[in-house]
C-alpha cells in the first residue's frame, strides 16, 4: 500500500520527471494555522509515494502541498519565476486516495487531481 496522499512532478521543459524536489504536506487547523504533517523529496521518477504511512487515516479538511522548485532549478543552474508552489486542496472523502501531480517548467505550472 502507499500513502493516502501522493504526488508526481514532471518537468515539462525537459520532458522528464523532476527528481530532487523538496515537498511539504500540511493541514490547515481550525485556527487557520498550517501544521506540517510530512515532508519528502521526489525520487528519480519524480514521485513521492510515502509522504504518510499507508495506514494513516486522513481527516476531512484543507491540505497543502508546497513544492520547493527553487531548489530543483538551482541544481540545474536555471532561474525560475516560482520559487515555491503551494497547492491547496480539500479532502471531503477521507477514505479515498489523493494523487496531486505537478507539471512544471521554470515559468509556469499546472496541477490536477490524478488517480
N, C-alpha and C. Protein backbone atom coordinates (compact mmCIF):
# COMPACT_ATOMS: atom_id res chain seq x y z
N UNK A 1 0.84 -1.19 0.00
CA UNK A 1 0.00 0.00 0.00
C UNK A 1 0.87 1.25 0.00
N UNK A 2 0.28 2.35 -0.43
CA UNK A 2 1.02 3.61 -0.45
C UNK A 2 0.30 4.65 0.39
N UNK A 3 0.95 5.76 0.56
CA UNK A 3 0.40 6.88 1.30
C UNK A 3 -0.96 7.28 0.74
N UNK A 4 -1.90 7.74 1.57
CA UNK A 4 -3.20 8.19 1.05
C UNK A 4 -3.10 9.48 0.24
N UNK A 5 -1.98 10.20 0.37
CA UNK A 5 -1.70 11.37 -0.46
C UNK A 5 -0.35 11.15 -1.13
N UNK A 6 -0.35 11.19 -2.46
CA UNK A 6 0.89 11.02 -3.21
C UNK A 6 1.03 12.16 -4.21
N UNK A 7 2.22 12.31 -4.76
CA UNK A 7 2.46 13.34 -5.76
C UNK A 7 3.46 12.86 -6.78
N UNK A 8 3.49 13.55 -7.91
CA UNK A 8 4.38 13.24 -9.02
C UNK A 8 4.68 14.56 -9.70
N UNK A 9 5.96 14.87 -9.90
CA UNK A 9 6.35 16.14 -10.53
C UNK A 9 7.03 15.83 -11.86
N UNK A 10 6.52 16.43 -12.92
CA UNK A 10 7.11 16.29 -14.24
C UNK A 10 7.61 17.65 -14.70
N UNK A 11 8.84 17.68 -15.21
CA UNK A 11 9.43 18.89 -15.74
C UNK A 11 9.11 18.93 -17.23
N UNK A 12 8.11 19.72 -17.60
CA UNK A 12 7.67 19.76 -19.00
C UNK A 12 8.67 20.46 -19.91
N UNK A 13 9.58 21.24 -19.35
CA UNK A 13 10.59 21.90 -20.18
C UNK A 13 11.65 20.91 -20.64
N UNK A 14 11.76 19.79 -19.92
CA UNK A 14 12.74 18.77 -20.29
C UNK A 14 12.08 17.45 -20.72
N UNK A 15 10.78 17.36 -20.50
CA UNK A 15 10.07 16.15 -20.87
C UNK A 15 10.45 14.95 -20.04
N UNK A 16 10.69 15.18 -18.74
CA UNK A 16 11.07 14.06 -17.86
C UNK A 16 10.67 14.36 -16.41
N UNK A 17 10.74 13.33 -15.57
CA UNK A 17 10.40 13.53 -14.16
C UNK A 17 11.36 14.53 -13.50
N UNK A 18 10.85 15.24 -12.51
CA UNK A 18 11.65 16.20 -11.75
C UNK A 18 12.10 15.54 -10.45
N UNK A 19 13.32 15.05 -10.45
CA UNK A 19 13.89 14.41 -9.26
C UNK A 19 14.51 15.47 -8.35
N UNK A 20 14.40 15.27 -7.05
CA UNK A 20 15.04 16.15 -6.08
C UNK A 20 14.25 17.38 -5.68
N UNK A 21 12.93 17.35 -5.86
CA UNK A 21 12.08 18.48 -5.45
C UNK A 21 11.62 18.26 -4.01
N UNK A 22 12.02 19.12 -3.06
CA UNK A 22 11.52 19.00 -1.70
C UNK A 22 10.03 19.39 -1.64
N UNK A 23 9.27 18.62 -0.88
CA UNK A 23 7.82 18.83 -0.78
C UNK A 23 7.40 18.73 0.69
N UNK A 24 6.51 19.64 1.10
CA UNK A 24 5.97 19.63 2.46
C UNK A 24 4.45 19.46 2.36
N UNK A 25 3.90 18.56 3.16
CA UNK A 25 2.45 18.37 3.27
C UNK A 25 2.00 18.94 4.60
N UNK A 26 0.97 19.80 4.55
CA UNK A 26 0.45 20.41 5.77
C UNK A 26 -1.08 20.37 5.75
N UNK A 27 -1.67 20.49 6.94
CA UNK A 27 -3.12 20.57 7.08
C UNK A 27 -3.45 21.89 7.77
N UNK A 28 -4.56 22.51 7.35
CA UNK A 28 -4.99 23.75 7.98
C UNK A 28 -5.82 23.42 9.21
N UNK A 29 -5.41 23.96 10.33
CA UNK A 29 -6.12 23.72 11.58
C UNK A 29 -7.28 24.70 11.72
N UNK A 30 -8.14 24.47 12.69
CA UNK A 30 -9.31 25.31 12.90
C UNK A 30 -8.94 26.78 13.11
N UNK A 31 -7.76 27.03 13.67
CA UNK A 31 -7.29 28.41 13.89
C UNK A 31 -6.87 29.10 12.61
N UNK A 32 -6.72 28.32 11.53
CA UNK A 32 -6.23 28.86 10.27
C UNK A 32 -4.74 28.64 10.07
N UNK A 33 -4.06 28.22 11.13
CA UNK A 33 -2.62 27.95 11.03
C UNK A 33 -2.38 26.63 10.30
N UNK A 34 -1.25 26.54 9.63
CA UNK A 34 -0.87 25.31 8.92
C UNK A 34 0.03 24.47 9.82
N UNK A 35 -0.26 23.18 9.88
CA UNK A 35 0.55 22.23 10.66
C UNK A 35 1.16 21.21 9.70
N UNK A 36 2.48 21.12 9.74
CA UNK A 36 3.16 20.16 8.86
C UNK A 36 2.83 18.73 9.29
N UNK A 37 2.46 17.92 8.30
CA UNK A 37 2.20 16.51 8.53
C UNK A 37 3.36 15.64 8.08
N UNK A 38 4.02 16.07 7.01
CA UNK A 38 5.08 15.24 6.43
C UNK A 38 5.90 16.07 5.45
N UNK A 39 7.05 15.54 5.10
CA UNK A 39 7.87 16.15 4.06
C UNK A 39 8.67 15.04 3.38
N UNK A 40 9.07 15.33 2.16
CA UNK A 40 9.85 14.37 1.41
C UNK A 40 10.50 15.03 0.21
N UNK A 41 11.19 14.23 -0.59
CA UNK A 41 11.87 14.70 -1.79
C UNK A 41 11.52 13.74 -2.92
N UNK A 42 11.21 14.29 -4.09
CA UNK A 42 10.85 13.42 -5.21
C UNK A 42 12.01 12.51 -5.59
N UNK A 43 11.68 11.29 -5.95
CA UNK A 43 12.69 10.30 -6.34
C UNK A 43 13.07 10.46 -7.81
N UNK A 44 13.85 9.54 -8.34
CA UNK A 44 14.32 9.64 -9.73
C UNK A 44 13.18 9.64 -10.74
N UNK A 45 12.02 9.13 -10.33
CA UNK A 45 10.85 9.12 -11.22
C UNK A 45 9.94 10.33 -10.94
N UNK A 46 10.41 11.27 -10.10
CA UNK A 46 9.64 12.46 -9.78
C UNK A 46 8.49 12.21 -8.82
N UNK A 47 8.51 11.10 -8.13
CA UNK A 47 7.38 10.72 -7.27
C UNK A 47 7.73 10.72 -5.79
N UNK A 48 6.69 10.93 -4.98
CA UNK A 48 6.77 10.67 -3.54
C UNK A 48 5.54 9.83 -3.22
N UNK A 49 5.76 8.58 -2.94
CA UNK A 49 4.66 7.67 -2.65
C UNK A 49 4.50 7.37 -1.18
N UNK A 50 5.39 7.93 -0.34
CA UNK A 50 5.37 7.58 1.07
C UNK A 50 5.36 8.80 2.00
N UNK A 51 4.64 9.86 1.58
CA UNK A 51 4.55 11.04 2.45
C UNK A 51 3.96 10.69 3.81
N UNK A 52 2.92 9.90 3.79
CA UNK A 52 2.27 9.43 5.03
C UNK A 52 2.35 7.91 5.06
N UNK A 53 2.23 7.35 6.22
CA UNK A 53 2.17 5.89 6.33
C UNK A 53 0.94 5.39 5.59
N UNK A 54 1.04 4.22 5.01
CA UNK A 54 -0.07 3.66 4.23
C UNK A 54 -1.34 3.54 5.07
N UNK A 55 -1.20 3.33 6.37
CA UNK A 55 -2.38 3.17 7.23
C UNK A 55 -2.81 4.50 7.89
N UNK A 56 -2.20 5.60 7.46
CA UNK A 56 -2.58 6.91 8.02
C UNK A 56 -4.04 7.21 7.68
N UNK A 57 -4.80 7.60 8.68
CA UNK A 57 -6.21 7.93 8.47
C UNK A 57 -6.34 9.44 8.27
N UNK A 58 -6.71 9.83 7.07
CA UNK A 58 -6.92 11.24 6.77
C UNK A 58 -8.17 11.75 7.49
N UNK A 59 -8.15 13.02 7.80
CA UNK A 59 -9.33 13.69 8.33
C UNK A 59 -9.86 14.61 7.24
N UNK A 60 -11.15 14.82 7.18
CA UNK A 60 -11.65 15.83 6.24
C UNK A 60 -11.01 17.17 6.57
N UNK A 61 -10.73 17.95 5.55
CA UNK A 61 -10.13 19.25 5.80
C UNK A 61 -9.39 19.78 4.60
N UNK A 62 -8.71 20.89 4.83
CA UNK A 62 -7.95 21.57 3.78
C UNK A 62 -6.47 21.23 3.98
N UNK A 63 -5.86 20.77 2.91
CA UNK A 63 -4.45 20.35 2.93
C UNK A 63 -3.67 21.19 1.93
N UNK A 64 -2.34 21.21 2.12
CA UNK A 64 -1.49 21.95 1.19
C UNK A 64 -0.20 21.17 0.96
N UNK A 65 0.13 21.01 -0.32
CA UNK A 65 1.45 20.51 -0.71
C UNK A 65 2.24 21.71 -1.20
N UNK A 66 3.42 21.92 -0.65
CA UNK A 66 4.27 23.02 -1.08
C UNK A 66 5.54 22.44 -1.70
N UNK A 67 5.78 22.82 -2.95
CA UNK A 67 6.90 22.30 -3.73
C UNK A 67 8.00 23.36 -3.77
N UNK A 68 9.18 23.03 -3.29
CA UNK A 68 10.33 23.93 -3.30
C UNK A 68 11.05 23.78 -4.65
N UNK A 69 10.49 24.43 -5.66
CA UNK A 69 11.05 24.27 -7.01
C UNK A 69 12.31 25.11 -7.22
N UNK A 70 12.56 26.11 -6.38
CA UNK A 70 13.80 26.88 -6.48
C UNK A 70 15.00 25.95 -6.28
N UNK A 71 14.91 25.05 -5.31
CA UNK A 71 15.99 24.09 -5.07
C UNK A 71 16.22 23.22 -6.29
N UNK A 72 15.13 22.74 -6.89
CA UNK A 72 15.23 21.90 -8.09
C UNK A 72 15.91 22.63 -9.24
N UNK A 73 15.44 23.83 -9.56
CA UNK A 73 16.01 24.57 -10.68
C UNK A 73 17.42 25.08 -10.39
N UNK A 74 17.71 25.44 -9.15
CA UNK A 74 19.05 25.88 -8.78
C UNK A 74 20.06 24.77 -9.05
N UNK A 75 19.68 23.52 -8.76
CA UNK A 75 20.56 22.38 -9.00
C UNK A 75 20.88 22.21 -10.49
N UNK A 76 20.02 22.75 -11.34
CA UNK A 76 20.23 22.68 -12.79
C UNK A 76 20.80 23.98 -13.34
N UNK A 77 21.13 24.91 -12.45
CA UNK A 77 21.64 26.23 -12.84
C UNK A 77 20.65 26.96 -13.74
N UNK A 78 19.36 26.88 -13.36
CA UNK A 78 18.29 27.56 -14.11
C UNK A 78 17.54 28.50 -13.18
N UNK A 79 17.05 29.58 -13.74
CA UNK A 79 16.20 30.50 -12.99
C UNK A 79 14.76 30.01 -13.06
N UNK A 80 13.97 30.42 -12.08
CA UNK A 80 12.54 30.13 -12.09
C UNK A 80 11.78 31.33 -11.57
N UNK A 81 10.61 31.56 -12.11
CA UNK A 81 9.75 32.64 -11.67
C UNK A 81 9.05 32.28 -10.37
N UNK A 82 8.81 30.99 -10.16
CA UNK A 82 8.09 30.50 -8.99
C UNK A 82 9.05 29.74 -8.07
N UNK A 83 9.55 30.34 -7.01
CA UNK A 83 10.47 29.62 -6.13
C UNK A 83 9.78 28.54 -5.30
N UNK A 84 8.51 28.74 -5.00
CA UNK A 84 7.74 27.76 -4.27
C UNK A 84 6.33 27.70 -4.83
N UNK A 85 5.80 26.51 -4.92
CA UNK A 85 4.45 26.34 -5.46
C UNK A 85 3.59 25.65 -4.42
N UNK A 86 2.65 26.39 -3.79
CA UNK A 86 1.71 25.77 -2.87
C UNK A 86 0.46 25.32 -3.62
N UNK A 87 0.06 24.10 -3.40
CA UNK A 87 -1.19 23.58 -3.98
C UNK A 87 -2.10 23.23 -2.81
N UNK A 88 -3.19 23.95 -2.70
CA UNK A 88 -4.14 23.77 -1.61
C UNK A 88 -5.35 23.03 -2.14
N UNK A 89 -5.79 22.00 -1.41
CA UNK A 89 -6.91 21.19 -1.84
C UNK A 89 -7.71 20.73 -0.63
N UNK A 90 -8.97 20.38 -0.89
CA UNK A 90 -9.86 19.96 0.20
C UNK A 90 -10.18 18.48 0.08
N UNK A 91 -10.08 17.81 1.22
CA UNK A 91 -10.44 16.39 1.30
C UNK A 91 -11.78 16.29 2.03
N UNK A 92 -12.77 15.76 1.31
CA UNK A 92 -14.10 15.56 1.89
C UNK A 92 -14.40 14.09 2.13
N UNK A 93 -13.74 13.23 1.36
CA UNK A 93 -13.92 11.78 1.49
C UNK A 93 -12.59 11.18 1.93
N UNK A 94 -12.33 11.13 3.23
CA UNK A 94 -11.01 10.74 3.72
C UNK A 94 -10.61 9.29 3.41
N UNK A 95 -11.53 8.45 3.01
CA UNK A 95 -11.19 7.07 2.70
C UNK A 95 -10.62 6.89 1.30
N UNK A 96 -10.65 7.94 0.48
CA UNK A 96 -10.16 7.85 -0.88
C UNK A 96 -8.65 8.14 -0.94
N UNK A 97 -8.04 7.77 -2.07
CA UNK A 97 -6.65 8.09 -2.33
C UNK A 97 -6.59 9.42 -3.08
N UNK A 98 -5.63 10.27 -2.74
CA UNK A 98 -5.47 11.57 -3.38
C UNK A 98 -4.08 11.66 -4.00
N UNK A 99 -4.06 11.76 -5.33
CA UNK A 99 -2.81 11.91 -6.07
C UNK A 99 -2.83 13.31 -6.68
N UNK A 100 -1.81 14.10 -6.35
CA UNK A 100 -1.77 15.51 -6.77
C UNK A 100 -0.50 15.74 -7.60
N UNK A 101 -0.58 15.58 -8.91
CA UNK A 101 0.58 15.79 -9.77
C UNK A 101 0.84 17.28 -10.03
N UNK A 102 2.10 17.58 -10.34
CA UNK A 102 2.50 18.93 -10.70
C UNK A 102 3.27 18.84 -12.02
N UNK A 103 2.80 19.58 -13.01
CA UNK A 103 3.52 19.72 -14.28
C UNK A 103 4.22 21.06 -14.22
N UNK A 104 5.53 21.06 -14.39
CA UNK A 104 6.35 22.19 -14.03
C UNK A 104 7.27 22.62 -15.17
N UNK A 105 7.48 23.92 -15.29
CA UNK A 105 8.57 24.46 -16.09
C UNK A 105 9.02 25.74 -15.38
N UNK A 106 10.13 26.35 -15.76
CA UNK A 106 10.64 27.49 -14.99
C UNK A 106 9.68 28.68 -14.91
N UNK A 107 8.74 28.79 -15.85
CA UNK A 107 7.88 29.98 -15.87
C UNK A 107 6.40 29.66 -15.86
N UNK A 108 6.04 28.45 -15.47
CA UNK A 108 4.63 28.09 -15.38
C UNK A 108 4.45 26.72 -14.76
N UNK A 109 3.22 26.44 -14.37
CA UNK A 109 2.91 25.12 -13.82
C UNK A 109 1.42 24.88 -13.92
N UNK A 110 1.04 23.61 -13.82
CA UNK A 110 -0.36 23.22 -13.76
C UNK A 110 -0.46 22.00 -12.86
N UNK A 111 -1.65 21.76 -12.36
CA UNK A 111 -1.89 20.63 -11.48
C UNK A 111 -3.31 20.12 -11.71
N UNK A 112 -3.57 18.94 -11.19
CA UNK A 112 -4.89 18.35 -11.30
C UNK A 112 -5.00 17.23 -10.28
N UNK A 113 -6.19 16.73 -10.05
CA UNK A 113 -6.33 15.56 -9.19
C UNK A 113 -6.15 14.33 -10.05
N UNK A 114 -5.12 13.59 -9.76
CA UNK A 114 -4.83 12.38 -10.52
C UNK A 114 -5.50 11.17 -9.89
N UNK A 115 -5.06 10.01 -10.36
CA UNK A 115 -5.63 8.77 -9.82
C UNK A 115 -4.53 7.88 -9.26
